[in-house]
PDB file of N, CA and C in Angstrom:
ATOM      1  N   MET A   1      44.964 -82.547  13.954  1.00  0.00           N
ATOM      2  CA  MET A   1      45.548 -82.900  14.019  1.00  0.00           C
ATOM      3  C   MET A   1      45.404 -83.847  12.478  1.00  0.00           C
ATOM      4  N   PHE A   2      44.265 -83.369  12.015  1.00  0.00           N
ATOM      5  CA  PHE A   2      43.651 -83.636  10.755  1.00  0.00           C
ATOM      6  C   PHE A   2      43.821 -82.360   9.626  1.00  0.00           C
ATOM      7  N   LYS A   3      43.971 -81.209  10.478  1.00  0.00           N
ATOM      8  CA  LYS A   3      44.758 -79.992   9.351  1.00  0.00           C
ATOM      9  C   LYS A   3      45.905 -79.890   9.257  1.00  0.00           C
ATOM     10  N   VAL A   4      46.463 -81.033  10.105  1.00  0.00           N
ATOM     11  CA  VAL A   4      48.444 -81.208   9.972  1.00  0.00           C
ATOM     12  C   VAL A   4      48.559 -82.388   8.521  1.00  0.00           C
ATOM     13  N   ILE A   5      48.217 -83.198   8.572  1.00  0.00           N
ATOM     14  CA  ILE A   5      47.716 -84.770   8.091  1.00  0.00           C
ATOM     15  C   ILE A   5      47.665 -83.604   5.955  1.00  0.00           C
ATOM     16  N   VAL A   6      46.219 -82.779   6.488  1.00  0.00           N
ATOM     17  CA  VAL A   6      45.621 -82.380   4.888  1.00  0.00           C
ATOM     18  C   VAL A   6      46.910 -81.137   4.280  1.00  0.00           C
ATOM     19  N   VAL A   7      47.531 -80.865   5.727  1.00  0.00           N
ATOM     20  CA  VAL A   7      48.575 -79.895   5.363  1.00  0.00           C
ATOM     21  C   VAL A   7      50.064 -80.842   4.595  1.00  0.00           C
ATOM     22  N   VAL A   8      50.547 -81.320   5.054  1.00  0.00           N
ATOM     23  CA  VAL A   8      51.325 -82.242   4.669  1.00  0.00           C
ATOM     24  C   VAL A   8      51.112 -83.251   3.428  1.00  0.00           C
ATOM     25  N   LEU A   9      49.502 -83.465   3.028  1.00  0.00           N
ATOM     26  CA  LEU A   9      49.406 -84.323   1.791  1.00  0.00           C
ATOM     27  C   LEU A   9      49.553 -83.179   0.671  1.00  0.00           C
ATOM     28  N   ILE A  10      48.908 -81.661   0.869  1.00  0.00           N
ATOM     29  CA  ILE A  10      48.780 -81.023   0.052  1.00  0.00           C
ATOM     30  C   ILE A  10      49.974 -80.373  -0.632  1.00  0.00           C
ATOM     31  N   ALA A  11      51.415 -80.536   0.456  1.00  0.00           N
ATOM     32  CA  ALA A  11      52.692 -80.327   0.260  1.00  0.00           C
ATOM     33  C   ALA A  11      53.678 -81.301  -0.631  1.00  0.00           C
ATOM     34  N   VAL A  12      53.429 -82.525   0.089  1.00  0.00           N
ATOM     35  CA  VAL A  12      53.400 -83.372  -0.460  1.00  0.00           C
ATOM     36  C   VAL A  12      52.897 -83.151  -2.370  1.00  0.00           C
ATOM     37  N   VAL A  13      51.768 -83.261  -3.176  1.00  0.00           N
ATOM     38  CA  VAL A  13      51.381 -82.951  -4.071  1.00  0.00           C
ATOM     39  C   VAL A  13      52.491 -81.759  -4.671  1.00  0.00           C
ATOM     40  N   VAL A  14      52.162 -80.603  -3.650  1.00  0.00           N
ATOM     41  CA  VAL A  14      52.856 -79.359  -4.096  1.00  0.00           C
ATOM     42  C   VAL A  14      54.437 -79.838  -4.547  1.00  0.00           C
ATOM     43  N   PHE A  15      55.488 -80.632  -3.798  1.00  0.00           N
ATOM     44  CA  PHE A  15      56.677 -80.898  -4.127  1.00  0.00           C
ATOM     45  C   PHE A  15      56.857 -82.114  -5.202  1.00  0.00           C
ATOM     46  N   LEU A  16      55.686 -82.595  -5.561  1.00  0.00           N
ATOM     47  CA  LEU A  16      55.678 -83.709  -6.694  1.00  0.00           C
ATOM     48  C   LEU A  16      55.591 -82.797  -7.900  1.00  0.00           C
ATOM     49  N   LEU A  17      54.921 -82.015  -8.005  1.00  0.00           N
ATOM     50  CA  LEU A  17      54.804 -81.188  -9.266  1.00  0.00           C
ATOM     51  C   LEU A  17      55.643 -80.263  -9.611  1.00  0.00           C
ATOM     52  N   ASP A  18      56.337 -79.523  -8.204  1.00  0.00           N
ATOM     53  CA  ASP A  18      56.865 -78.426  -8.387  1.00  0.00           C
ATOM     54  C   ASP A  18      58.750 -78.995  -8.192  1.00  0.00           C
ATOM     55  N   PHE A  19      59.095 -80.158  -8.362  1.00  0.00           N
ATOM     56  CA  PHE A  19      59.920 -80.798  -8.176  1.00  0.00           C
ATOM     57  C   PHE A  19      60.354 -80.937  -9.644  1.00  0.00           C
ATOM     58  N   ALA A  20      59.415 -82.063 -10.153  1.00  0.00           N
ATOM     59  CA  ALA A  20      59.825 -81.854 -11.666  1.00  0.00           C
ATOM     60  C   ALA A  20      60.840 -80.838 -12.425  1.00  0.00           C
ATOM     61  N   THR A  21      60.345 -79.395 -12.159  1.00  0.00           N
ATOM     62  CA  THR A  21      60.985 -78.395 -13.177  1.00  0.00           C
ATOM     63  C   THR A  21      62.760 -78.692 -12.160  1.00  0.00           C
ATOM     64  N   VAL A  22      62.923 -78.731 -10.785  1.00  0.00           N
ATOM     65  CA  VAL A  22      64.035 -78.295 -10.197  1.00  0.00           C
ATOM     66  C   VAL A  22      64.815 -79.662 -10.558  1.00  0.00           C
ATOM     67  N   LYS A  23      64.299 -80.910 -10.905  1.00  0.00           N
ATOM     68  CA  LYS A  23      65.302 -81.981 -11.222  1.00  0.00           C
ATOM     69  C   LYS A  23      65.871 -82.067 -12.950  1.00  0.00           C
ATOM     70  N   LYS A  24      65.285 -81.240 -13.293  1.00  0.00           N
ATOM     71  CA  LYS A  24      65.731 -80.855 -14.904  1.00  0.00           C
ATOM     72  C   LYS A  24      67.197 -80.436 -14.506  1.00  0.00           C
ATOM     73  N   SER A  25      67.332 -79.508 -13.560  1.00  0.00           N
ATOM     74  CA  SER A  25      68.954 -78.986 -13.329  1.00  0.00           C
ATOM     75  C   SER A  25      69.554 -79.415 -13.128  1.00  0.00           C
ATOM     76  N   LYS A  26      70.833 -79.736 -13.993  1.00  0.00           N
ATOM     77  CA  LYS A  26      71.451 -80.393 -13.018  1.00  0.00           C
ATOM     78  C   LYS A  26      72.156 -79.788 -12.273  1.00  0.00           C
ATOM     79  N   SER A  27      72.143 -79.604 -11.112  1.00  0.00           N
ATOM     80  CA  SER A  27      73.248 -78.993 -10.341  1.00  0.00           C
ATOM     81  C   SER A  27      72.645 -79.735  -9.020  1.00  0.00           C
ATOM     82  N   LYS A  28      73.308 -80.100  -8.316  1.00  0.00           N
ATOM     83  CA  LYS A  28      72.932 -80.426  -7.093  1.00  0.00           C
ATOM     84  C   LYS A  28      72.458 -79.646  -6.182  1.00  0.00           C
ATOM     85  N   LYS A  29      73.644 -78.324  -6.275  1.00  0.00           N
ATOM     86  CA  LYS A  29      73.296 -77.366  -5.316  1.00  0.00           C
ATOM     87  C   LYS A  29      72.125 -76.674  -5.342  1.00  0.00           C
ATOM     88  N   ASP A  30      71.679 -76.787  -6.884  1.00  0.00           N
ATOM     89  CA  ASP A  30      69.975 -75.845  -6.679  1.00  0.00           C
ATOM     90  C   ASP A  30      68.931 -76.884  -5.962  1.00  0.00           C
ATOM     91  N   LYS A  31      69.169 -78.213  -6.081  1.00  0.00           N
ATOM     92  CA  LYS A  31      68.058 -79.364  -5.842  1.00  0.00           C
ATOM     93  C   LYS A  31      68.076 -79.455  -4.374  1.00  0.00           C
ATOM     94  N   LYS A  32      69.354 -79.286  -3.371  1.00  0.00           N
ATOM     95  CA  LYS A  32      69.532 -78.972  -2.304  1.00  0.00           C
ATOM     96  C   LYS A  32      68.523 -78.210  -1.499  1.00  0.00           C
ATOM     97  N   VAL A  33      69.412 -76.855  -1.996  1.00  0.00           N
ATOM     98  CA  VAL A  33      68.537 -75.667  -1.344  1.00  0.00           C
ATOM     99  C   VAL A  33      66.918 -75.742  -1.985  1.00  0.00           C
ATOM    100  N   TYR A  34      66.796 -76.121  -2.838  1.00  0.00           N
ATOM    101  CA  TYR A  34      65.547 -76.618  -3.452  1.00  0.00           C
ATOM    102  C   TYR A  34      64.132 -77.282  -1.977  1.00  0.00           C
ATOM    103  N   ILE A  35      65.217 -78.196  -1.994  1.00  0.00           N
ATOM    104  CA  ILE A  35      64.769 -79.387  -0.590  1.00  0.00           C
ATOM    105  C   ILE A  35      64.329 -78.496   0.491  1.00  0.00           C
ATOM    106  N   ALA A  36      65.919 -77.893   0.761  1.00  0.00           N
ATOM    107  CA  ALA A  36      65.672 -77.228   2.480  1.00  0.00           C
ATOM    108  C   ALA A  36      65.145 -76.190   2.315  1.00  0.00           C
ATOM    109  N   PHE A  37      64.664 -75.825   1.709  1.00  0.00           N
ATOM    110  CA  PHE A  37      63.677 -74.440   1.842  1.00  0.00           C
ATOM    111  C   PHE A  37      62.250 -74.936   1.897  1.00  0.00           C
ATOM    112  N   PHE A  38      62.164 -76.203   1.064  1.00  0.00           N
ATOM    113  CA  PHE A  38      60.445 -76.655   1.152  1.00  0.00           C
ATOM    114  C   PHE A  38      60.448 -77.499   2.943  1.00  0.00           C
ATOM    115  N   ILE A  39      61.310 -77.929   3.336  1.00  0.00           N
ATOM    116  CA  ILE A  39      61.117 -78.553   4.250  1.00  0.00           C
ATOM    117  C   ILE A  39      61.027 -77.431   5.372  1.00  0.00           C
ATOM    118  N   LEU A  40      62.053 -76.151   5.361  1.00  0.00           N
ATOM    119  CA  LEU A  40      61.398 -74.930   6.620  1.00  0.00           C
ATOM    120  C   LEU A  40      60.170 -74.686   6.273  1.00  0.00           C
ATOM    121  N   ALA A  41      59.582 -74.661   4.830  1.00  0.00           N
ATOM    122  CA  ALA A  41      58.583 -73.900   4.647  1.00  0.00           C
ATOM    123  C   ALA A  41      57.316 -74.927   4.925  1.00  0.00           C
ATOM    124  N   LEU A  42      57.970 -75.874   5.375  1.00  0.00           N
ATOM    125  CA  LEU A  42      56.381 -76.999   5.814  1.00  0.00           C
ATOM    126  C   LEU A  42      56.542 -77.414   6.802  1.00  0.00           C
ATOM    127  N   SER A  43      57.732 -76.903   7.558  1.00  0.00           N
ATOM    128  CA  SER A  43      57.633 -76.857   9.017  1.00  0.00           C
ATOM    129  C   SER A  43      57.131 -75.905   9.316  1.00  0.00           C
ATOM    130  N   ILE A  44      57.024 -74.861   9.165  1.00  0.00           N
ATOM    131  CA  ILE A  44      56.505 -73.337   9.793  1.00  0.00           C
ATOM    132  C   ILE A  44      55.007 -73.673   9.371  1.00  0.00           C
ATOM    133  N   VAL A  45      54.590 -74.489   8.911  1.00  0.00           N
ATOM    134  CA  VAL A  45      53.201 -73.971   7.897  1.00  0.00           C
ATOM    135  C   VAL A  45      52.791 -75.360   9.177  1.00  0.00           C
ATOM    136  N   VAL A  46      53.205 -76.388   9.869  1.00  0.00           N
ATOM    137  CA  VAL A  46      52.721 -77.216  10.184  1.00  0.00           C
ATOM    138  C   VAL A  46      52.430 -76.892  11.824  1.00  0.00           C
ATOM    139  N   LEU A  47      53.590 -76.115  12.223  1.00  0.00           N
ATOM    140  CA  LEU A  47      53.716 -74.699  13.420  1.00  0.00           C
ATOM    141  C   LEU A  47      52.746 -74.189  13.661  1.00  0.00           C
ATOM    142  N   HIS A  48      52.457 -73.544  12.516  1.00  0.00           N
ATOM    143  CA  HIS A  48      51.105 -72.303  12.367  1.00  0.00           C
ATOM    144  C   HIS A  48      49.621 -72.745  12.594  1.00  0.00           C
ATOM    145  N   VAL A  49      49.989 -74.265  12.162  1.00  0.00           N
ATOM    146  CA  VAL A  49      48.349 -75.158  11.688  1.00  0.00           C
ATOM    147  C   VAL A  49      48.369 -75.322  13.145  1.00  0.00           C
ATOM    148  N   MET A  50      49.440 -76.139  13.980  1.00  0.00           N
ATOM    149  CA  MET A  50      48.972 -76.632  15.353  1.00  0.00           C
ATOM    150  C   MET A  50      49.152 -75.563  15.947  1.00  0.00           C
ATOM    151  N   GLU A  51      48.936 -74.199  15.813  1.00  0.00           N
ATOM    152  CA  GLU A  51      48.857 -73.225  16.771  1.00  0.00           C
ATOM    153  C   GLU A  51      49.976 -73.226  17.838  1.00  0.00           C
ATOM    154  N   VAL A  52      51.164 -73.334  17.291  1.00  0.00           N
ATOM    155  CA  VAL A  52      52.245 -73.411  18.034  1.00  0.00           C
ATOM    156  C   VAL A  52      52.904 -71.324  17.985  1.00  0.00           C
ATOM    157  N   ASN A  53      53.390 -71.323  18.860  1.00  0.00           N
ATOM    158  CA  ASN A  53      53.582 -69.428  18.679  1.00  0.00           C
ATOM    159  C   ASN A  53      54.779 -69.560  18.692  1.00  0.00           C
ATOM    160  N   ILE A  54      54.972 -68.979  17.365  1.00  0.00           N
ATOM    161  CA  ILE A  54      56.347 -68.672  16.653  1.00  0.00           C
ATOM    162  C   ILE A  54      56.787 -67.209  17.203  1.00  0.00           C
ATOM    163  N   PRO A  55      58.224 -67.523  17.637  1.00  0.00           N
ATOM    164  CA  PRO A  55      58.696 -65.791  17.853  1.00  0.00           C
ATOM    165  C   PRO A  55      59.414 -65.134  16.335  1.00  0.00           C
ATOM    166  N   THR A  56      59.170 -63.953  16.595  1.00  0.00           N
ATOM    167  CA  THR A  56      59.511 -63.211  15.347  1.00  0.00           C
ATOM    168  C   THR A  56      60.920 -63.287  15.596  1.00  0.00           C
ATOM    169  N   PRO A  57      61.678 -62.864  13.943  1.00  0.00           N
ATOM    170  CA  PRO A  57      63.210 -62.734  14.628  1.00  0.00           C
ATOM    171  C   PRO A  57      63.192 -61.503  15.210  1.00  0.00           C
ATOM    172  N   ILE A  58      62.600 -60.502  15.012  1.00  0.00           N
ATOM    173  CA  ILE A  58      62.982 -59.210  16.409  1.00  0.00           C
ATOM    174  C   ILE A  58      63.087 -59.592  17.491  1.00  0.00           C
ATOM    175  N   GLU A  59      61.955 -60.609  18.053  1.00  0.00           N
ATOM    176  CA  GLU A  59      62.605 -60.845  19.601  1.00  0.00           C
ATOM    177  C   GLU A  59      64.351 -61.345  19.667  1.00  0.00           C
ATOM    178  N   GLY A  60      64.677 -62.291  18.758  1.00  0.00           N
ATOM    179  CA  GLY A  60      65.501 -62.792  19.101  1.00  0.00           C
ATOM    180  C   GLY A  60      66.529 -61.573  18.959  1.00  0.00           C
ATOM    181  N   ILE A  61      66.698 -60.734  18.369  1.00  0.00           N
ATOM    182  CA  ILE A  61      67.641 -59.293  18.278  1.00  0.00           C
ATOM    183  C   ILE A  61      67.431 -58.782  19.435  1.00  0.00           C
ATOM    184  N   LYS A  62      66.501 -58.686  19.949  1.00  0.00           N
ATOM    185  CA  LYS A  62      66.086 -58.125  21.182  1.00  0.00           C
ATOM    186  C   LYS A  62      67.077 -58.420  22.536  1.00  0.00           C
ATOM    187  N   GLN A  63      66.690 -59.497  22.482  1.00  0.00           N
ATOM    188  CA  GLN A  63      67.168 -60.514  23.345  1.00  0.00           C
ATOM    189  C   GLN A  63      69.155 -60.471  23.697  1.00  0.00           C
ATOM    190  N   ILE A  64      69.718 -60.020  22.127  1.00  0.00           N
ATOM    191  CA  ILE A  64      71.039 -60.162  22.180  1.00  0.00           C
ATOM    192  C   ILE A  64      71.304 -58.803  22.545  1.00  0.00           C
ATOM    193  N   TYR A  65      70.474 -57.571  21.746  1.00  0.00           N
ATOM    194  CA  TYR A  65      70.664 -56.512  22.080  1.00  0.00           C
ATOM    195  C   TYR A  65      70.473 -55.364  23.623  1.00  0.00           C
ATOM    196  N   GLN A  66      69.739 -56.067  23.748  1.00  0.00           N
ATOM    197  CA  GLN A  66      68.599 -55.452  24.762  1.00  0.00           C
ATOM    198  C   GLN A  66      70.571 -55.036  26.256  1.00  0.00           C
ATOM    199  N   PRO A  67      70.835 -56.566  26.583  1.00  0.00           N
ATOM    200  CA  PRO A  67      72.123 -56.321  27.288  1.00  0.00           C
ATOM    201  C   PRO A  67      73.049 -55.279  26.770  1.00  0.00           C
ATOM    202  N   VAL A  68      73.571 -55.529  26.018  1.00  0.00           N
ATOM    203  CA  VAL A  68      74.268 -54.395  25.185  1.00  0.00           C
ATOM    204  C   VAL A  68      74.075 -52.570  25.325  1.00  0.00           C
ATOM    205  N   ALA A  69      72.234 -52.351  25.061  1.00  0.00           N
ATOM    206  CA  ALA A  69      72.099 -50.820  24.889  1.00  0.00           C
ATOM    207  C   ALA A  69      71.594 -50.458  26.527  1.00  0.00           C
ATOM    208  N   GLU A  70      71.559 -51.026  27.312  1.00  0.00           N
ATOM    209  CA  GLU A  70      70.963 -50.631  28.488  1.00  0.00           C
ATOM    210  C   GLU A  70      71.849 -50.060  29.079  1.00  0.00           C
ATOM    211  N   PRO A  71      73.434 -50.482  29.641  1.00  0.00           N
ATOM    212  CA  PRO A  71      74.343 -49.790  30.059  1.00  0.00           C
ATOM    213  C   PRO A  71      74.819 -48.489  28.869  1.00  0.00           C
ATOM    214  N   ILE A  72      74.436 -48.690  27.615  1.00  0.00           N
ATOM    215  CA  ILE A  72      75.114 -47.371  26.609  1.00  0.00           C
ATOM    216  C   ILE A  72      73.870 -45.732  26.879  1.00  0.00           C
ATOM    217  N   ARG A  73      72.507 -46.680  27.058  1.00  0.00           N
ATOM    218  CA  ARG A  73      71.497 -45.783  27.391  1.00  0.00           C
ATOM    219  C   ARG A  73      71.664 -44.968  28.780  1.00  0.00           C
ATOM    220  N   LYS A  74      72.146 -45.718  30.176  1.00  0.00           N
ATOM    221  CA  LYS A  74      72.135 -45.412  31.021  1.00  0.00           C
ATOM    222  C   LYS A  74      73.351 -43.796  30.824  1.00  0.00           C
ATOM    223  N   SER A  75      74.000 -44.327  30.381  1.00  0.00           N
ATOM    224  CA  SER A  75      75.440 -43.517  30.174  1.00  0.00           C
ATOM    225  C   SER A  75      74.957 -42.251  29.057  1.00  0.00           C
ATOM    226  N   LEU A  76      74.699 -42.421  28.337  1.00  0.00           N
ATOM    227  CA  LEU A  76      73.466 -40.963  27.561  1.00  0.00           C
ATOM    228  C   LEU A  76      72.620 -40.317  28.567  1.00  0.00           C
ATOM    229  N   GLU A  77      72.483 -41.286  29.378  1.00  0.00           N
ATOM    230  CA  GLU A  77      71.372 -39.925  29.871  1.00  0.00           C
ATOM    231  C   GLU A  77      71.752 -39.046  31.095  1.00  0.00           C
ATOM    232  N   LYS A  78      73.029 -39.429  31.301  1.00  0.00           N
ATOM    233  CA  LYS A  78      73.591 -38.233  31.898  1.00  0.00           C
ATOM    234  C   LYS A  78      73.479 -37.107  31.778  1.00  0.00           C
ATOM    235  N   TYR A  79      73.625 -37.210  30.396  1.00  0.00           N
ATOM    236  CA  TYR A  79      73.426 -35.634  29.339  1.00  0.00           C
ATOM    237  C   TYR A  79      72.828 -34.976  28.674  1.00  0.00           C
ATOM    238  N   LEU A  80      71.317 -35.789  29.336  1.00  0.00           N
ATOM    239  CA  LEU A  80      70.036 -34.897  28.792  1.00  0.00           C
ATOM    240  C   LEU A  80      69.638 -33.973  30.296  1.00  0.00           C
TER     241      LEU A  80
END
């Protein structure tokens, strides 16, 4: 838990220092995108510090394409 608190405190400091440059931008869209990516990155780092197993994107792709690829593979094996 101590590690999570340290990570969040460091993130707050980085956010305050870095957001000052983004704040100068007049575009609200830029600010929203910056905040969204910052929150996403902070969430991933906190999960990593808590040693939560985070699946890679390739795992999701395998889950989607496995049912599609298996019948195709079986039909192609006939010709080998």
